[in-house]
Amino acid sequence: MAKVTIENAEVTSVMTSGKGFRMQTVFNKRDGGQITEKWVVWSDNKVNVGDVVTVTGKFSKKDETFTNDAGEEIKYTALHVNDPEVTASAQPSIQGTKGEAVLREQWPSATLDEAPF
Protein backbone atom coordinates (compact mmCIF):
# COMPACT_ATOMS: atom_id res chain seq x y z
CA MET A 1 0.00 0.00 0.00
CA ALA A 2 1.28 3.49 -0.83
CA LYS A 3 2.22 5.93 1.89
CA VAL A 4 1.11 9.56 1.60
CA THR A 5 1.91 12.78 3.45
CA ILE A 6 -0.52 15.71 3.36
CA GLU A 7 0.97 18.87 4.81
CA ASN A 8 -0.87 21.86 6.27
CA ALA A 9 -4.40 20.55 5.75
CA GLU A 10 -7.31 22.23 7.51
CA VAL A 11 -9.70 20.03 9.49
CA THR A 12 -13.20 20.66 8.10
CA SER A 13 -15.25 18.20 10.18
CA VAL A 14 -14.87 15.57 12.87
CA MET A 15 -16.77 12.27 12.77
CA THR A 16 -19.37 12.01 15.52
CA SER A 17 -18.03 8.53 16.30
CA GLY A 18 -14.65 10.07 17.13
CA LYS A 19 -12.94 7.60 14.78
CA GLY A 20 -11.88 10.05 12.09
CA PHE A 21 -12.08 13.46 10.51
CA ARG A 22 -12.22 15.23 7.16
CA MET A 23 -9.61 17.71 6.03
CA GLN A 24 -8.75 19.66 2.92
CA THR A 25 -5.95 21.47 1.16
CA VAL A 26 -6.29 24.19 -1.49
CA PHE A 27 -3.82 24.83 -4.31
CA ASN A 28 -3.74 27.76 -6.71
CA LYS A 29 -3.62 26.92 -10.40
CA ARG A 30 -1.62 28.94 -12.92
CA ASP A 31 -4.83 30.28 -14.46
CA GLY A 32 -5.91 31.75 -11.11
CA GLY A 33 -8.39 29.00 -10.24
CA GLN A 34 -8.14 26.73 -7.25
CA ILE A 35 -8.02 22.99 -6.70
CA THR A 36 -9.40 21.59 -3.43
CA GLU A 37 -8.28 18.16 -2.24
CA LYS A 38 -10.58 16.59 0.33
CA TRP A 39 -9.39 13.71 2.51
CA VAL A 40 -10.96 11.37 5.06
CA VAL A 41 -8.56 10.39 7.84
CA TRP A 42 -9.37 7.31 9.94
CA SER A 43 -7.84 8.05 13.32
CA ASP A 44 -8.52 8.21 17.06
CA ASN A 45 -6.51 11.45 17.28
CA LYS A 46 -8.43 14.32 18.83
CA VAL A 47 -8.64 17.27 16.43
CA ASN A 48 -10.95 20.26 16.15
CA VAL A 49 -12.53 21.93 13.16
CA GLY A 50 -10.13 24.62 11.95
CA ASP A 51 -6.97 22.86 13.17
CA VAL A 52 -4.15 22.72 10.62
CA VAL A 53 -2.42 19.34 10.58
CA THR A 54 0.12 17.26 8.72
CA VAL A 55 -0.90 13.63 8.20
CA THR A 56 1.23 10.67 7.05
CA GLY A 57 -0.37 7.28 6.51
CA LYS A 58 -1.54 4.58 4.13
CA PHE A 59 -3.29 5.94 1.04
CA SER A 60 -6.48 4.40 -0.31
CA LYS A 61 -9.25 5.53 -2.61
CA LYS A 62 -12.80 4.46 -3.11
CA ASP A 63 -15.03 5.19 -6.09
CA GLU A 64 -18.39 6.34 -4.77
CA THR A 65 -21.73 7.49 -6.16
CA PHE A 66 -24.79 9.21 -4.79
CA THR A 67 -27.96 10.76 -6.17
CA ASN A 68 -28.29 14.48 -5.51
CA ASP A 69 -31.50 16.42 -4.84
CA ALA A 70 -31.98 16.99 -8.60
CA GLY A 71 -32.00 13.22 -9.20
CA GLU A 72 -28.58 13.24 -10.88
CA GLU A 73 -26.11 10.47 -10.15
CA ILE A 74 -22.83 11.96 -8.94
CA LYS A 75 -19.64 9.88 -9.19
CA TYR A 76 -16.43 10.78 -7.37
CA THR A 77 -13.33 9.24 -5.88
CA ALA A 78 -12.96 9.55 -2.10
CA LEU A 79 -9.38 9.85 -0.81
CA HIS A 80 -8.63 8.11 2.50
CA VAL A 81 -5.69 7.90 4.90
CA ASN A 82 -5.49 4.84 7.17
CA ASP A 83 -3.16 4.18 10.13
CA PRO A 84 -2.15 7.86 10.18
CA GLU A 85 0.39 9.83 12.14
CA VAL A 86 -1.25 13.21 12.83
CA THR A 87 0.77 16.23 13.94
CA ALA A 88 -0.18 19.87 14.37
CA SER A 89 1.30 22.07 11.66
CA ALA A 90 3.41 25.05 12.59
CA GLN A 91 2.07 26.92 9.56
CA PRO A 92 -1.31 28.67 9.81
CA SER A 93 -4.04 27.82 7.33
CA ILE A 94 -3.60 29.74 4.08
CA GLN A 95 -7.05 28.99 2.75
CA GLY A 96 -9.06 31.88 1.39
CA THR A 97 -8.25 35.57 1.51
CA LYS A 98 -8.17 35.81 5.31
CA GLY A 99 -5.61 33.02 5.44
CA GLU A 100 -3.54 34.73 2.75
CA ALA A 101 -3.49 37.92 4.84
CA VAL A 102 -2.25 35.91 7.83
CA LEU A 103 0.43 34.32 5.65
CA ARG A 104 1.62 37.72 4.42
CA GLU A 105 1.67 39.05 7.96
CA GLN A 106 3.80 36.14 9.22
CA TRP A 107 6.02 35.71 6.15
CA PRO A 108 6.02 38.91 4.00
CA SER A 109 8.31 37.44 1.34
CA ALA A 110 6.50 34.10 1.07
CA THR A 111 4.85 32.91 -2.13
CA LEU A 112 1.78 30.71 -2.16
CA ASP A 113 2.20 27.20 -3.50
CA GLU A 114 1.04 26.83 -7.06
CA ALA A 115 -0.10 23.55 -8.51
CA PRO A 116 1.58 22.82 -11.87
CA PHE A 117 -1.71 22.42 -13.76
C-alpha atoms as a PDB file:
ATOM      1  CA  MET A   1       0.000   0.000   0.000  1.00  0.00           C
ATOM      2  CA  ALA A   2       1.276   3.487  -0.827  1.00  0.00           C
ATOM      3  CA  LYS A   3       2.224   5.933   1.892  1.00  0.00           C
ATOM      4  CA  VAL A   4       1.110   9.556   1.598  1.00  0.00           C
ATOM      5  CA  THR A   5       1.907  12.779   3.454  1.00  0.00           C
ATOM      6  CA  ILE A   6      -0.515  15.712   3.365  1.00  0.00           C
ATOM      7  CA  GLU A   7       0.968  18.874   4.808  1.00  0.00           C
ATOM      8  CA  ASN A   8      -0.867  21.864   6.269  1.00  0.00           C
ATOM      9  CA  ALA A   9      -4.400  20.546   5.755  1.00  0.00           C
ATOM     10  CA  GLU A  10      -7.311  22.230   7.510  1.00  0.00           C
ATOM     11  CA  VAL A  11      -9.699  20.026   9.487  1.00  0.00           C
ATOM     12  CA  THR A  12     -13.204  20.657   8.102  1.00  0.00           C
ATOM     13  CA  SER A  13     -15.247  18.199  10.177  1.00  0.00           C
ATOM     14  CA  VAL A  14     -14.865  15.570  12.869  1.00  0.00           C
ATOM     15  CA  MET A  15     -16.768  12.271  12.771  1.00  0.00           C
ATOM     16  CA  THR A  16     -19.366  12.010  15.524  1.00  0.00           C
ATOM     17  CA  SER A  17     -18.026   8.530  16.299  1.00  0.00           C
ATOM     18  CA  GLY A  18     -14.646  10.068  17.131  1.00  0.00           C
ATOM     19  CA  LYS A  19     -12.942   7.603  14.777  1.00  0.00           C
ATOM     20  CA  GLY A  20     -11.880  10.052  12.089  1.00  0.00           C
ATOM     21  CA  PHE A  21     -12.079  13.463  10.507  1.00  0.00           C
ATOM     22  CA  ARG A  22     -12.223  15.226   7.164  1.00  0.00           C
ATOM     23  CA  MET A  23      -9.608  17.712   6.027  1.00  0.00           C
ATOM     24  CA  GLN A  24      -8.753  19.662   2.916  1.00  0.00           C
ATOM     25  CA  THR A  25      -5.950  21.475   1.155  1.00  0.00           C
ATOM     26  CA  VAL A  26      -6.295  24.186  -1.486  1.00  0.00           C
ATOM     27  CA  PHE A  27      -3.822  24.830  -4.307  1.00  0.00           C
ATOM     28  CA  ASN A  28      -3.742  27.761  -6.710  1.00  0.00           C
ATOM     29  CA  LYS A  29      -3.616  26.923 -10.404  1.00  0.00           C
ATOM     30  CA  ARG A  30      -1.624  28.936 -12.918  1.00  0.00           C
ATOM     31  CA  ASP A  31      -4.830  30.280 -14.464  1.00  0.00           C
ATOM     32  CA  GLY A  32      -5.907  31.748 -11.106  1.00  0.00           C
ATOM     33  CA  GLY A  33      -8.393  28.998 -10.242  1.00  0.00           C
ATOM     34  CA  GLN A  34      -8.140  26.726  -7.247  1.00  0.00           C
ATOM     35  CA  ILE A  35      -8.016  22.986  -6.698  1.00  0.00           C
ATOM     36  CA  THR A  36      -9.398  21.590  -3.432  1.00  0.00           C
ATOM     37  CA  GLU A  37      -8.275  18.165  -2.237  1.00  0.00           C
ATOM     38  CA  LYS A  38     -10.577  16.592   0.331  1.00  0.00           C
ATOM     39  CA  TRP A  39      -9.393  13.713   2.512  1.00  0.00           C
ATOM     40  CA  VAL A  40     -10.956  11.365   5.056  1.00  0.00           C
ATOM     41  CA  VAL A  41      -8.556  10.387   7.841  1.00  0.00           C
ATOM     42  CA  TRP A  42      -9.373   7.312   9.945  1.00  0.00           C
ATOM     43  CA  SER A  43      -7.839   8.051  13.316  1.00  0.00           C
ATOM     44  CA  ASP A  44      -8.523   8.206  17.064  1.00  0.00           C
ATOM     45  CA  ASN A  45      -6.513  11.448  17.279  1.00  0.00           C
ATOM     46  CA  LYS A  46      -8.434  14.323  18.832  1.00  0.00           C
ATOM     47  CA  VAL A  47      -8.636  17.273  16.427  1.00  0.00           C
ATOM     48  CA  ASN A  48     -10.948  20.258  16.154  1.00  0.00           C
ATOM     49  CA  VAL A  49     -12.525  21.930  13.155  1.00  0.00           C
ATOM     50  CA  GLY A  50     -10.128  24.616  11.954  1.00  0.00           C
ATOM     51  CA  ASP A  51      -6.972  22.855  13.170  1.00  0.00           C
ATOM     52  CA  VAL A  52      -4.145  22.725  10.618  1.00  0.00           C
ATOM     53  CA  VAL A  53      -2.422  19.342  10.579  1.00  0.00           C
ATOM     54  CA  THR A  54       0.118  17.259   8.724  1.00  0.00           C
ATOM     55  CA  VAL A  55      -0.895  13.627   8.200  1.00  0.00           C
ATOM     56  CA  THR A  56       1.231  10.668   7.051  1.00  0.00           C
ATOM     57  CA  GLY A  57      -0.365   7.280   6.510  1.00  0.00           C
ATOM     58  CA  LYS A  58      -1.538   4.583   4.126  1.00  0.00           C
ATOM     59  CA  PHE A  59      -3.292   5.941   1.039  1.00  0.00           C
ATOM     60  CA  SER A  60      -6.477   4.398  -0.311  1.00  0.00           C
ATOM     61  CA  LYS A  61      -9.250   5.529  -2.606  1.00  0.00           C
ATOM     62  CA  LYS A  62     -12.800   4.465  -3.110  1.00  0.00           C
ATOM     63  CA  ASP A  63     -15.028   5.186  -6.095  1.00  0.00           C
ATOM     64  CA  GLU A  64     -18.389   6.339  -4.765  1.00  0.00           C
ATOM     65  CA  THR A  65     -21.728   7.486  -6.159  1.00  0.00           C
ATOM     66  CA  PHE A  66     -24.789   9.213  -4.794  1.00  0.00           C
ATOM     67  CA  THR A  67     -27.961  10.762  -6.173  1.00  0.00           C
ATOM     68  CA  ASN A  68     -28.292  14.480  -5.515  1.00  0.00           C
ATOM     69  CA  ASP A  69     -31.496  16.417  -4.840  1.00  0.00           C
ATOM     70  CA  ALA A  70     -31.978  16.987  -8.596  1.00  0.00           C
ATOM     71  CA  GLY A  71     -31.996  13.224  -9.200  1.00  0.00           C
ATOM     72  CA  GLU A  72     -28.580  13.243 -10.884  1.00  0.00           C
ATOM     73  CA  GLU A  73     -26.114  10.470 -10.148  1.00  0.00           C
ATOM     74  CA  ILE A  74     -22.825  11.962  -8.941  1.00  0.00           C
ATOM     75  CA  LYS A  75     -19.644   9.883  -9.192  1.00  0.00           C
ATOM     76  CA  TYR A  76     -16.433  10.781  -7.374  1.00  0.00           C
ATOM     77  CA  THR A  77     -13.333   9.244  -5.879  1.00  0.00           C
ATOM     78  CA  ALA A  78     -12.960   9.552  -2.103  1.00  0.00           C
ATOM     79  CA  LEU A  79      -9.379   9.851  -0.810  1.00  0.00           C
ATOM     80  CA  HIS A  80      -8.630   8.111   2.502  1.00  0.00           C
ATOM     81  CA  VAL A  81      -5.686   7.904   4.902  1.00  0.00           C
ATOM     82  CA  ASN A  82      -5.485   4.842   7.167  1.00  0.00           C
ATOM     83  CA  ASP A  83      -3.162   4.182  10.133  1.00  0.00           C
ATOM     84  CA  PRO A  84      -2.151   7.862  10.183  1.00  0.00           C
ATOM     85  CA  GLU A  85       0.390   9.835  12.144  1.00  0.00           C
ATOM     86  CA  VAL A  86      -1.249  13.208  12.834  1.00  0.00           C
ATOM     87  CA  THR A  87       0.768  16.231  13.943  1.00  0.00           C
ATOM     88  CA  ALA A  88      -0.177  19.866  14.370  1.00  0.00           C
ATOM     89  CA  SER A  89       1.303  22.067  11.659  1.00  0.00           C
ATOM     90  CA  ALA A  90       3.408  25.053  12.588  1.00  0.00           C
ATOM     91  CA  GLN A  91       2.071  26.917   9.560  1.00  0.00           C
ATOM     92  CA  PRO A  92      -1.311  28.675   9.806  1.00  0.00           C
ATOM     93  CA  SER A  93      -4.045  27.824   7.334  1.00  0.00           C
ATOM     94  CA  ILE A  94      -3.595  29.738   4.080  1.00  0.00           C
ATOM     95  CA  GLN A  95      -7.055  28.987   2.755  1.00  0.00           C
ATOM     96  CA  GLY A  96      -9.056  31.883   1.394  1.00  0.00           C
ATOM     97  CA  THR A  97      -8.246  35.574   1.505  1.00  0.00           C
ATOM     98  CA  LYS A  98      -8.173  35.811   5.310  1.00  0.00           C
ATOM     99  CA  GLY A  99      -5.608  33.017   5.438  1.00  0.00           C
ATOM    100  CA  GLU A 100      -3.544  34.731   2.753  1.00  0.00           C
ATOM    101  CA  ALA A 101      -3.485  37.918   4.844  1.00  0.00           C
ATOM    102  CA  VAL A 102      -2.253  35.909   7.832  1.00  0.00           C
ATOM    103  CA  LEU A 103       0.432  34.318   5.654  1.00  0.00           C
ATOM    104  CA  ARG A 104       1.620  37.717   4.417  1.00  0.00           C
ATOM    105  CA  GLU A 105       1.672  39.045   7.964  1.00  0.00           C
ATOM    106  CA  GLN A 106       3.796  36.144   9.220  1.00  0.00           C
ATOM    107  CA  TRP A 107       6.016  35.711   6.147  1.00  0.00           C
ATOM    108  CA  PRO A 108       6.018  38.906   4.000  1.00  0.00           C
ATOM    109  CA  SER A 109       8.309  37.437   1.337  1.00  0.00           C
ATOM    110  CA  ALA A 110       6.497  34.099   1.071  1.00  0.00           C
ATOM    111  CA  THR A 111       4.854  32.909  -2.125  1.00  0.00           C
ATOM    112  CA  LEU A 112       1.780  30.714  -2.157  1.00  0.00           C
ATOM    113  CA  ASP A 113       2.196  27.200  -3.501  1.00  0.00           C
ATOM    114  CA  GLU A 114       1.044  26.825  -7.060  1.00  0.00           C
ATOM    115  CA  ALA A 115      -0.095  23.546  -8.514  1.00  0.00           C
ATOM    116  CA  PRO A 116       1.578  22.820 -11.871  1.00  0.00           C
ATOM    117  CA  PHE A 117      -1.709  22.421 -13.761  1.00  0.00           C
END
